[in-house]
């Protein structure tokens, strides 16, 4: 039996899963796509990128994660943001 079901595996869904597991709740994410990433999974058109600095767009709940991941650009492209989300999920 699950304590929670999270709809969507984008930035918010992954963060919610992290917080629930941190508090010892069991949870599962339901995602319509074949992969995680939310808007960054679905919007893969040429030139798609973040409109704020990548470091501000990344998760701050883990100092280790912030030290491990290095953004290649100040305003990251869709493929790099999707790689980041997959890195976080792993």
PDB file of N, CA and C in Angstrom:
ATOM      1  N   UNK A   1       0.834  -1.178   0.000  1.00  0.00           N
ATOM      2  CA  UNK A   1       0.000   0.000   0.000  1.00  0.00           C
ATOM      3  C   UNK A   1       0.882   1.246   0.000  1.00  0.00           C
ATOM      4  N   UNK A   2       0.487   2.220  -0.795  1.00  0.00           N
ATOM      5  CA  UNK A   2       1.232   3.465  -0.907  1.00  0.00           C
ATOM      6  C   UNK A   2       0.635   4.552  -0.025  1.00  0.00           C
ATOM      7  N   UNK A   3       1.494   5.413   0.474  1.00  0.00           N
ATOM      8  CA  UNK A   3       1.026   6.589   1.206  1.00  0.00           C
ATOM      9  C   UNK A   3       0.630   7.715   0.263  1.00  0.00           C
ATOM     10  N   UNK A   4       1.275   7.765  -0.908  1.00  0.00           N
ATOM     11  CA  UNK A   4       1.007   8.865  -1.843  1.00  0.00           C
ATOM     12  C   UNK A   4       1.253   8.431  -3.279  1.00  0.00           C
ATOM     13  N   UNK A   5       0.512   9.045  -4.177  1.00  0.00           N
ATOM     14  CA  UNK A   5       0.730   8.893  -5.614  1.00  0.00           C
ATOM     15  C   UNK A   5       1.008  10.288  -6.164  1.00  0.00           C
ATOM     16  N   UNK A   6       2.066  10.405  -6.918  1.00  0.00           N
ATOM     17  CA  UNK A   6       2.476  11.684  -7.500  1.00  0.00           C
ATOM     18  C   UNK A   6       2.195  11.621  -8.991  1.00  0.00           C
ATOM     19  N   UNK A   7       1.502  12.614  -9.495  1.00  0.00           N
ATOM     20  CA  UNK A   7       1.174  12.653 -10.919  1.00  0.00           C
ATOM     21  C   UNK A   7       2.186  13.555 -11.619  1.00  0.00           C
ATOM     22  N   UNK A   8       3.005  12.950 -12.460  1.00  0.00           N
ATOM     23  CA  UNK A   8       3.985  13.693 -13.240  1.00  0.00           C
ATOM     24  C   UNK A   8       5.392  13.587 -12.682  1.00  0.00           C
ATOM     25  N   UNK A   9       6.347  13.325 -13.576  1.00  0.00           N
ATOM     26  CA  UNK A   9       7.748  13.162 -13.187  1.00  0.00           C
ATOM     27  C   UNK A   9       8.606  14.318 -13.691  1.00  0.00           C
ATOM     28  N   UNK A  10       8.087  15.526 -13.542  1.00  0.00           N
ATOM     29  CA  UNK A  10       8.866  16.720 -13.857  1.00  0.00           C
ATOM     30  C   UNK A  10       9.614  17.184 -12.620  1.00  0.00           C
ATOM     31  N   UNK A  11      10.062  18.423 -12.634  1.00  0.00           N
ATOM     32  CA  UNK A  11      10.808  18.963 -11.495  1.00  0.00           C
ATOM     33  C   UNK A  11      10.030  18.824 -10.187  1.00  0.00           C
ATOM     34  N   UNK A  12       8.760  19.186 -10.189  1.00  0.00           N
ATOM     35  CA  UNK A  12       7.956  19.143  -8.957  1.00  0.00           C
ATOM     36  C   UNK A  12       7.693  17.722  -8.495  1.00  0.00           C
ATOM     37  N   UNK A  13       7.370  16.842  -9.422  1.00  0.00           N
ATOM     38  CA  UNK A  13       7.097  15.455  -9.062  1.00  0.00           C
ATOM     39  C   UNK A  13       8.308  14.766  -8.465  1.00  0.00           C
ATOM     40  N   UNK A  14       9.477  14.970  -9.057  1.00  0.00           N
ATOM     41  CA  UNK A  14      10.696  14.364  -8.521  1.00  0.00           C
ATOM     42  C   UNK A  14      11.036  14.924  -7.145  1.00  0.00           C
ATOM     43  N   UNK A  15      10.829  16.227  -6.969  1.00  0.00           N
ATOM     44  CA  UNK A  15      11.093  16.833  -5.668  1.00  0.00           C
ATOM     45  C   UNK A  15      10.126  16.294  -4.614  1.00  0.00           C
ATOM     46  N   UNK A  16       8.862  16.150  -4.971  1.00  0.00           N
ATOM     47  CA  UNK A  16       7.879  15.607  -4.033  1.00  0.00           C
ATOM     48  C   UNK A  16       8.250  14.181  -3.631  1.00  0.00           C
ATOM     49  N   UNK A  17       8.681  13.376  -4.586  1.00  0.00           N
ATOM     50  CA  UNK A  17       9.106  12.006  -4.279  1.00  0.00           C
ATOM     51  C   UNK A  17      10.271  12.016  -3.292  1.00  0.00           C
ATOM     52  N   UNK A  18      11.239  12.878  -3.527  1.00  0.00           N
ATOM     53  CA  UNK A  18      12.378  13.000  -2.618  1.00  0.00           C
ATOM     54  C   UNK A  18      11.914  13.352  -1.205  1.00  0.00           C
ATOM     55  N   UNK A  19      11.050  14.373  -1.082  1.00  0.00           N
ATOM     56  CA  UNK A  19      10.590  14.816   0.238  1.00  0.00           C
ATOM     57  C   UNK A  19       9.779  13.735   0.951  1.00  0.00           C
ATOM     58  N   UNK A  20       8.925  13.044   0.224  1.00  0.00           N
ATOM     59  CA  UNK A  20       8.129  11.986   0.846  1.00  0.00           C
ATOM     60  C   UNK A  20       9.017  10.842   1.327  1.00  0.00           C
ATOM     61  N   UNK A  21       9.982  10.428   0.506  1.00  0.00           N
ATOM     62  CA  UNK A  21      10.894   9.361   0.930  1.00  0.00           C
ATOM     63  C   UNK A  21      11.735   9.802   2.123  1.00  0.00           C
ATOM     64  N   UNK A  22      12.120  11.060   2.151  1.00  0.00           N
ATOM     65  CA  UNK A  22      12.890  11.609   3.266  1.00  0.00           C
ATOM     66  C   UNK A  22      12.118  11.484   4.586  1.00  0.00           C
ATOM     67  N   UNK A  23      10.792  11.546   4.506  1.00  0.00           N
ATOM     68  CA  UNK A  23       9.941  11.445   5.689  1.00  0.00           C
ATOM     69  C   UNK A  23       9.382  10.031   5.879  1.00  0.00           C
ATOM     70  N   UNK A  24       9.971   9.069   5.172  1.00  0.00           N
ATOM     71  CA  UNK A  24       9.629   7.643   5.282  1.00  0.00           C
ATOM     72  C   UNK A  24       8.234   7.289   4.783  1.00  0.00           C
ATOM     73  N   UNK A  25       7.704   8.074   3.860  1.00  0.00           N
ATOM     74  CA  UNK A  25       6.442   7.726   3.213  1.00  0.00           C
ATOM     75  C   UNK A  25       6.747   6.916   1.961  1.00  0.00           C
ATOM     76  N   UNK A  26       5.863   5.993   1.652  1.00  0.00           N
ATOM     77  CA  UNK A  26       5.994   5.267   0.388  1.00  0.00           C
ATOM     78  C   UNK A  26       5.208   6.024  -0.673  1.00  0.00           C
ATOM     79  N   UNK A  27       5.802   6.137  -1.841  1.00  0.00           N
ATOM     80  CA  UNK A  27       5.160   6.912  -2.908  1.00  0.00           C
ATOM     81  C   UNK A  27       5.566   6.358  -4.262  1.00  0.00           C
ATOM     82  N   UNK A  28       4.737   6.621  -5.230  1.00  0.00           N
ATOM     83  CA  UNK A  28       5.007   6.227  -6.609  1.00  0.00           C
ATOM     84  C   UNK A  28       4.628   7.385  -7.518  1.00  0.00           C
ATOM     85  N   UNK A  29       5.434   7.570  -8.568  1.00  0.00           N
ATOM     86  CA  UNK A  29       5.140   8.592  -9.570  1.00  0.00           C
ATOM     87  C   UNK A  29       4.448   7.938 -10.757  1.00  0.00           C
ATOM     88  N   UNK A  30       3.385   8.572 -11.221  1.00  0.00           N
ATOM     89  CA  UNK A  30       2.727   8.169 -12.459  1.00  0.00           C
ATOM     90  C   UNK A  30       3.065   9.213 -13.513  1.00  0.00           C
ATOM     91  N   UNK A  31       3.565   8.761 -14.648  1.00  0.00           N
ATOM     92  CA  UNK A  31       4.001   9.668 -15.714  1.00  0.00           C
ATOM     93  C   UNK A  31       3.441   9.195 -17.049  1.00  0.00           C
ATOM     94  N   UNK A  32       2.868  10.114 -17.810  1.00  0.00           N
ATOM     95  CA  UNK A  32       2.281   9.777 -19.113  1.00  0.00           C
ATOM     96  C   UNK A  32       3.344   9.471 -20.160  1.00  0.00           C
ATOM     97  N   UNK A  33       4.499  10.096 -20.054  1.00  0.00           N
ATOM     98  CA  UNK A  33       5.555   9.895 -21.045  1.00  0.00           C
ATOM     99  C   UNK A  33       6.367   8.644 -20.766  1.00  0.00           C
ATOM    100  N   UNK A  34       7.245   8.329 -21.704  1.00  0.00           N
ATOM    101  CA  UNK A  34       8.124   7.171 -21.551  1.00  0.00           C
ATOM    102  C   UNK A  34       9.341   7.477 -20.686  1.00  0.00           C
ATOM    103  N   UNK A  35       9.522   8.729 -20.333  1.00  0.00           N
ATOM    104  CA  UNK A  35      10.655   9.123 -19.518  1.00  0.00           C
ATOM    105  C   UNK A  35      10.274  10.252 -18.582  1.00  0.00           C
ATOM    106  N   UNK A  36      11.207  10.591 -17.707  1.00  0.00           N
ATOM    107  CA  UNK A  36      10.964  11.680 -16.767  1.00  0.00           C
ATOM    108  C   UNK A  36      11.299  13.013 -17.418  1.00  0.00           C
ATOM    109  N   UNK A  37      10.956  14.092 -16.738  1.00  0.00           N
ATOM    110  CA  UNK A  37      11.358  15.406 -17.202  1.00  0.00           C
ATOM    111  C   UNK A  37      10.242  16.403 -17.386  1.00  0.00           C
ATOM    112  N   UNK A  38       8.996  15.932 -17.400  1.00  0.00           N
ATOM    113  CA  UNK A  38       7.883  16.867 -17.544  1.00  0.00           C
ATOM    114  C   UNK A  38       8.005  17.689 -18.805  1.00  0.00           C
ATOM    115  N   UNK A  39       7.929  18.990 -18.658  1.00  0.00           N
ATOM    116  CA  UNK A  39       8.000  19.878 -19.822  1.00  0.00           C
ATOM    117  C   UNK A  39       9.293  19.703 -20.601  1.00  0.00           C
ATOM    118  N   UNK A  40      10.368  19.311 -19.929  1.00  0.00           N
ATOM    119  CA  UNK A  40      11.655  19.125 -20.606  1.00  0.00           C
ATOM    120  C   UNK A  40      11.714  17.810 -21.358  1.00  0.00           C
ATOM    121  N   UNK A  41      10.825  16.889 -21.062  1.00  0.00           N
ATOM    122  CA  UNK A  41      10.690  15.661 -21.851  1.00  0.00           C
ATOM    123  C   UNK A  41       9.872  15.949 -23.105  1.00  0.00           C
ATOM    124  N   UNK A  42       8.756  16.646 -22.936  1.00  0.00           N
ATOM    125  CA  UNK A  42       7.819  16.874 -24.034  1.00  0.00           C
ATOM    126  C   UNK A  42       8.266  17.958 -24.997  1.00  0.00           C
ATOM    127  N   UNK A  43       8.865  19.011 -24.510  1.00  0.00           N
ATOM    128  CA  UNK A  43       9.241  20.149 -25.361  1.00  0.00           C
ATOM    129  C   UNK A  43      10.691  20.019 -25.819  1.00  0.00           C
ATOM    130  N   UNK A  44      10.882  19.260 -26.876  1.00  0.00           N
ATOM    131  CA  UNK A  44      12.243  18.990 -27.363  1.00  0.00           C
ATOM    132  C   UNK A  44      12.478  19.623 -28.734  1.00  0.00           C
ATOM    133  N   UNK A  45      11.860  20.752 -28.967  1.00  0.00           N
ATOM    134  CA  UNK A  45      12.019  21.446 -30.245  1.00  0.00           C
ATOM    135  C   UNK A  45      13.398  22.121 -30.310  1.00  0.00           C
ATOM    136  N   UNK A  46      13.911  22.369 -31.516  1.00  0.00           N
ATOM    137  CA  UNK A  46      15.224  23.012 -31.654  1.00  0.00           C
ATOM    138  C   UNK A  46      15.262  24.367 -30.943  1.00  0.00           C
ATOM    139  N   UNK A  47      16.292  24.572 -30.167  1.00  0.00           N
ATOM    140  CA  UNK A  47      16.478  25.841 -29.473  1.00  0.00           C
ATOM    141  C   UNK A  47      15.833  25.932 -28.103  1.00  0.00           C
ATOM    142  N   UNK A  48      15.131  24.889 -27.661  1.00  0.00           N
ATOM    143  CA  UNK A  48      14.499  24.920 -26.335  1.00  0.00           C
ATOM    144  C   UNK A  48      15.584  25.016 -25.272  1.00  0.00           C
ATOM    145  N   UNK A  49      15.411  25.965 -24.367  1.00  0.00           N
ATOM    146  CA  UNK A  49      16.386  26.136 -23.290  1.00  0.00           C
ATOM    147  C   UNK A  49      15.767  26.876 -22.115  1.00  0.00           C
ATOM    148  N   UNK A  50      16.476  26.880 -21.028  1.00  0.00           N
ATOM    149  CA  UNK A  50      16.059  27.550 -19.800  1.00  0.00           C
ATOM    150  C   UNK A  50      16.229  29.061 -19.951  1.00  0.00           C
ATOM    151  N   UNK A  51      15.292  29.825 -19.403  1.00  0.00           N
ATOM    152  CA  UNK A  51      15.387  31.282 -19.509  1.00  0.00           C
ATOM    153  C   UNK A  51      15.879  31.949 -18.224  1.00  0.00           C
ATOM    154  N   UNK A  52      16.316  31.138 -17.271  1.00  0.00           N
ATOM    155  CA  UNK A  52      17.010  31.659 -16.089  1.00  0.00           C
ATOM    156  C   UNK A  52      18.321  30.892 -15.966  1.00  0.00           C
ATOM    157  N   UNK A  53      19.232  31.386 -15.162  1.00  0.00           N
ATOM    158  CA  UNK A  53      20.520  30.708 -15.020  1.00  0.00           C
ATOM    159  C   UNK A  53      20.318  29.289 -14.508  1.00  0.00           C
ATOM    160  N   UNK A  54      21.000  28.362 -15.125  1.00  0.00           N
ATOM    161  CA  UNK A  54      20.826  26.938 -14.835  1.00  0.00           C
ATOM    162  C   UNK A  54      21.017  26.612 -13.362  1.00  0.00           C
ATOM    163  N   UNK A  55      21.997  27.225 -12.732  1.00  0.00           N
ATOM    164  CA  UNK A  55      22.255  26.942 -11.316  1.00  0.00           C
ATOM    165  C   UNK A  55      21.044  27.293 -10.456  1.00  0.00           C
ATOM    166  N   UNK A  56      20.325  28.338 -10.805  1.00  0.00           N
ATOM    167  CA  UNK A  56      19.123  28.707 -10.059  1.00  0.00           C
ATOM    168  C   UNK A  56      17.974  27.750 -10.352  1.00  0.00           C
ATOM    169  N   UNK A  57      18.029  27.099 -11.478  1.00  0.00           N
ATOM    170  CA  UNK A  57      16.968  26.187 -11.895  1.00  0.00           C
ATOM    171  C   UNK A  57      17.143  24.799 -11.284  1.00  0.00           C
ATOM    172  N   UNK A  58      18.321  24.523 -10.758  1.00  0.00           N
ATOM    173  CA  UNK A  58      18.601  23.187 -10.233  1.00  0.00           C
ATOM    174  C   UNK A  58      18.124  23.040  -8.786  1.00  0.00           C
ATOM    175  N   UNK A  59      18.023  21.790  -8.350  1.00  0.00           N
ATOM    176  CA  UNK A  59      17.590  21.490  -6.986  1.00  0.00           C
ATOM    177  C   UNK A  59      18.628  21.965  -5.977  1.00  0.00           C
ATOM    178  N   UNK A  60      18.153  22.435  -4.834  1.00  0.00           N
ATOM    179  CA  UNK A  60      19.067  22.876  -3.779  1.00  0.00           C
ATOM    180  C   UNK A  60      18.967  22.005  -2.529  1.00  0.00           C
ATOM    181  N   UNK A  61      18.197  20.913  -2.594  1.00  0.00           N
ATOM    182  CA  UNK A  61      18.013  20.082  -1.402  1.00  0.00           C
ATOM    183  C   UNK A  61      19.223  19.208  -1.092  1.00  0.00           C
ATOM    184  N   UNK A  62      20.164  19.086  -2.019  1.00  0.00           N
ATOM    185  CA  UNK A  62      21.321  18.227  -1.801  1.00  0.00           C
ATOM    186  C   UNK A  62      22.602  18.963  -2.175  1.00  0.00           C
ATOM    187  N   UNK A  63      23.415  19.239  -1.183  1.00  0.00           N
ATOM    188  CA  UNK A  63      24.705  19.885  -1.441  1.00  0.00           C
ATOM    189  C   UNK A  63      25.584  18.972  -2.300  1.00  0.00           C
ATOM    190  N   UNK A  64      25.513  17.681  -2.040  1.00  0.00           N
ATOM    191  CA  UNK A  64      26.290  16.714  -2.823  1.00  0.00           C
ATOM    192  C   UNK A  64      25.912  16.782  -4.304  1.00  0.00           C
ATOM    193  N   UNK A  65      24.632  16.821  -4.577  1.00  0.00           N
ATOM    194  CA  UNK A  65      24.152  16.913  -5.957  1.00  0.00           C
ATOM    195  C   UNK A  65      24.640  18.203  -6.610  1.00  0.00           C
ATOM    196  N   UNK A  66      24.587  19.304  -5.894  1.00  0.00           N
ATOM    197  CA  UNK A  66      25.047  20.578  -6.454  1.00  0.00           C
ATOM    198  C   UNK A  66      26.543  20.558  -6.748  1.00  0.00           C
ATOM    199  N   UNK A  67      27.306  19.838  -5.937  1.00  0.00           N
ATOM    200  CA  UNK A  67      28.747  19.746  -6.166  1.00  0.00           C
ATOM    201  C   UNK A  67      29.073  18.803  -7.324  1.00  0.00           C
ATOM    202  N   UNK A  68      28.285  17.743  -7.490  1.00  0.00           N
ATOM    203  CA  UNK A  68      28.557  16.740  -8.524  1.00  0.00           C
ATOM    204  C   UNK A  68      28.194  17.221  -9.922  1.00  0.00           C
ATOM    205  N   UNK A  69      27.066  17.902 -10.067  1.00  0.00           N
ATOM    206  CA  UNK A  69      26.585  18.290 -11.393  1.00  0.00           C
ATOM    207  C   UNK A  69      27.194  19.622 -11.811  1.00  0.00           C
ATOM    208  N   UNK A  70      27.743  19.661 -13.000  1.00  0.00           N
ATOM    209  CA  UNK A  70      28.318  20.891 -13.556  1.00  0.00           C
ATOM    210  C   UNK A  70      27.563  21.249 -14.830  1.00  0.00           C
ATOM    211  N   UNK A  71      26.914  22.403 -14.827  1.00  0.00           N
ATOM    212  CA  UNK A  71      26.222  22.882 -16.016  1.00  0.00           C
ATOM    213  C   UNK A  71      27.250  23.346 -17.036  1.00  0.00           C
ATOM    214  N   UNK A  72      27.011  23.037 -18.308  1.00  0.00           N
ATOM    215  CA  UNK A  72      27.958  23.419 -19.356  1.00  0.00           C
ATOM    216  C   UNK A  72      27.694  24.828 -19.887  1.00  0.00           C
ATOM    217  N   UNK A  73      26.491  25.357 -19.631  1.00  0.00           N
ATOM    218  CA  UNK A  73      26.127  26.686 -20.110  1.00  0.00           C
ATOM    219  C   UNK A  73      25.401  27.440 -19.000  1.00  0.00           C
ATOM    220  N   UNK A  74      25.416  28.747 -19.080  1.00  0.00           N
ATOM    221  CA  UNK A  74      24.681  29.544 -18.097  1.00  0.00           C
ATOM    222  C   UNK A  74      23.179  29.331 -18.265  1.00  0.00           C
ATOM    223  N   UNK A  75      22.701  29.316 -19.499  1.00  0.00           N
ATOM    224  CA  UNK A  75      21.292  29.067 -19.809  1.00  0.00           C
ATOM    225  C   UNK A  75      21.219  27.747 -20.578  1.00  0.00           C
ATOM    226  N   UNK A  76      20.996  26.662 -19.864  1.00  0.00           N
ATOM    227  CA  UNK A  76      21.107  25.325 -20.447  1.00  0.00           C
ATOM    228  C   UNK A  76      20.028  25.002 -21.462  1.00  0.00           C
ATOM    229  N   UNK A  77      20.395  24.130 -22.378  1.00  0.00           N
ATOM    230  CA  UNK A  77      19.476  23.661 -23.412  1.00  0.00           C
ATOM    231  C   UNK A  77      18.606  22.526 -22.875  1.00  0.00           C
ATOM    232  N   UNK A  78      17.540  22.233 -23.591  1.00  0.00           N
ATOM    233  CA  UNK A  78      16.613  21.167 -23.208  1.00  0.00           C
ATOM    234  C   UNK A  78      17.324  19.827 -22.999  1.00  0.00           C
ATOM    235  N   UNK A  79      18.216  19.400 -23.922  1.00  0.00           N
ATOM    236  CA  UNK A  79      18.865  18.102 -23.692  1.00  0.00           C
ATOM    237  C   UNK A  79      19.672  18.050 -22.398  1.00  0.00           C
ATOM    238  N   UNK A  80      20.349  19.142 -22.056  1.00  0.00           N
ATOM    239  CA  UNK A  80      21.138  19.135 -20.827  1.00  0.00           C
ATOM    240  C   UNK A  80      20.241  19.122 -19.590  1.00  0.00           C
ATOM    241  N   UNK A  81      19.150  19.850 -19.619  1.00  0.00           N
ATOM    242  CA  UNK A  81      18.218  19.847 -18.486  1.00  0.00           C
ATOM    243  C   UNK A  81      17.618  18.460 -18.309  1.00  0.00           C
ATOM    244  N   UNK A  82      17.289  17.807 -19.401  1.00  0.00           N
ATOM    245  CA  UNK A  82      16.749  16.446 -19.326  1.00  0.00           C
ATOM    246  C   UNK A  82      17.802  15.479 -18.776  1.00  0.00           C
ATOM    247  N   UNK A  83      19.058  15.626 -19.188  1.00  0.00           N
ATOM    248  CA  UNK A  83      20.138  14.797 -18.630  1.00  0.00           C
ATOM    249  C   UNK A  83      20.262  15.030 -17.124  1.00  0.00           C
ATOM    250  N   UNK A  84      20.150  16.283 -16.705  1.00  0.00           N
ATOM    251  CA  UNK A  84      20.219  16.620 -15.281  1.00  0.00           C
ATOM    252  C   UNK A  84      19.107  15.913 -14.504  1.00  0.00           C
ATOM    253  N   UNK A  85      17.884  15.985 -15.004  1.00  0.00           N
ATOM    254  CA  UNK A  85      16.764  15.343 -14.308  1.00  0.00           C
ATOM    255  C   UNK A  85      16.942  13.833 -14.234  1.00  0.00           C
ATOM    256  N   UNK A  86      17.458  13.223 -15.281  1.00  0.00           N
ATOM    257  CA  UNK A  86      17.735  11.786 -15.244  1.00  0.00           C
ATOM    258  C   UNK A  86      18.850  11.471 -14.260  1.00  0.00           C
ATOM    259  N   UNK A  87      19.847  12.330 -14.172  1.00  0.00           N
ATOM    260  CA  UNK A  87      20.929  12.171 -13.205  1.00  0.00           C
ATOM    261  C   UNK A  87      20.380  12.219 -11.782  1.00  0.00           C
ATOM    262  N   UNK A  88      19.515  13.184 -11.524  1.00  0.00           N
ATOM    263  CA  UNK A  88      18.896  13.313 -10.204  1.00  0.00           C
ATOM    264  C   UNK A  88      18.080  12.064  -9.882  1.00  0.00           C
ATOM    265  N   UNK A  89      17.310  11.590 -10.840  1.00  0.00           N
ATOM    266  CA  UNK A  89      16.439  10.434 -10.613  1.00  0.00           C
ATOM    267  C   UNK A  89      17.236   9.159 -10.346  1.00  0.00           C
ATOM    268  N   UNK A  90      18.405   9.056 -10.969  1.00  0.00           N
ATOM    269  CA  UNK A  90      19.230   7.856 -10.757  1.00  0.00           C
ATOM    270  C   UNK A  90      19.801   7.862  -9.362  1.00  0.00           C
TER     271      UNK A  90
END
